[in-house]
Amino acid sequence: MLQSQYHWLPWCTFVEVDPSSRLYDTFGGYEIADAQKLSPEERIRRNRIYDNYVDSI
C-alpha cells in the first residue's frame, strides 16, 4: 500500500509562480490571450523588460 508523505517542496512553488509573475510584470495580466491582444510592436517593447535581467540560479 502506498502512502503519501505530504511534503511541501519549495522549488515547486517557484516553478509554478515565476512564469505567472513574469507574465503579469510584462503584460499586466495573467492570461496569454490578453497579451496577444496588444499590437506586435507593443508586445516586443514590453518583452524587453527582461533584457538586462540576470538569473541568480
Protein backbone atom coordinates (compact mmCIF):
# COMPACT_ATOMS: atom_id res chain seq x y z
CA MET A 1 0.00 0.00 0.00
CA LEU A 2 1.39 3.39 -0.99
CA GLN A 3 1.20 6.29 1.42
CA SER A 4 1.98 9.92 0.72
CA GLN A 5 4.27 11.88 2.99
CA TYR A 6 2.58 15.22 2.23
CA HIS A 7 5.83 17.14 1.98
CA TRP A 8 5.96 20.64 0.56
CA LEU A 9 8.72 21.14 -1.99
CA PRO A 10 9.64 24.85 -2.09
CA TRP A 11 11.08 24.67 -5.60
CA CYS A 12 7.67 23.53 -6.89
CA THR A 13 6.14 26.81 -5.76
CA PHE A 14 8.84 28.78 -7.56
CA VAL A 15 8.39 26.77 -10.75
CA GLU A 16 4.65 27.49 -10.70
CA VAL A 17 4.74 31.16 -9.65
CA ASP A 18 7.74 32.57 -11.54
CA PRO A 19 6.31 32.31 -15.09
CA SER A 20 2.97 33.76 -13.97
CA SER A 21 4.72 36.57 -12.14
CA ARG A 22 6.81 37.44 -15.19
CA LEU A 23 3.73 37.36 -17.43
CA TYR A 24 1.96 39.79 -15.10
CA ASP A 25 5.01 42.06 -14.78
CA THR A 26 5.44 42.19 -18.54
CA PHE A 27 1.86 42.42 -19.80
CA GLY A 28 -0.19 43.43 -16.76
CA GLY A 29 -2.26 40.25 -16.65
CA TYR A 30 -2.14 36.52 -16.16
CA GLU A 31 -3.69 35.47 -19.47
CA ILE A 32 -1.68 34.99 -22.67
CA ALA A 33 -4.82 35.81 -24.65
CA ASP A 34 -4.81 39.31 -23.14
CA ALA A 35 -1.17 39.83 -24.09
CA GLN A 36 -1.92 38.70 -27.65
CA LYS A 37 -4.48 41.50 -27.97
CA LEU A 38 -1.63 44.01 -27.88
CA SER A 39 -0.05 45.14 -31.12
CA PRO A 40 3.08 43.25 -32.19
CA GLU A 41 5.14 46.39 -31.60
CA GLU A 42 3.80 46.77 -28.05
CA ARG A 43 4.46 43.11 -27.26
CA ILE A 44 8.05 43.47 -28.48
CA ARG A 45 8.52 46.65 -26.43
CA ARG A 46 7.12 45.03 -23.29
CA ASN A 47 9.13 41.84 -23.78
CA ARG A 48 12.29 43.91 -23.42
CA ILE A 49 11.61 44.23 -19.66
CA TYR A 50 13.98 41.33 -19.01
CA ASP A 51 16.75 42.28 -21.45
CA ASN A 52 19.11 43.10 -18.58
CA TYR A 53 17.72 40.54 -16.15
CA VAL A 54 20.27 38.09 -14.78
CA ASP A 55 19.02 34.85 -13.26
CA SER A 56 20.54 34.17 -9.90
CA ILE A 57 20.13 30.43 -10.39
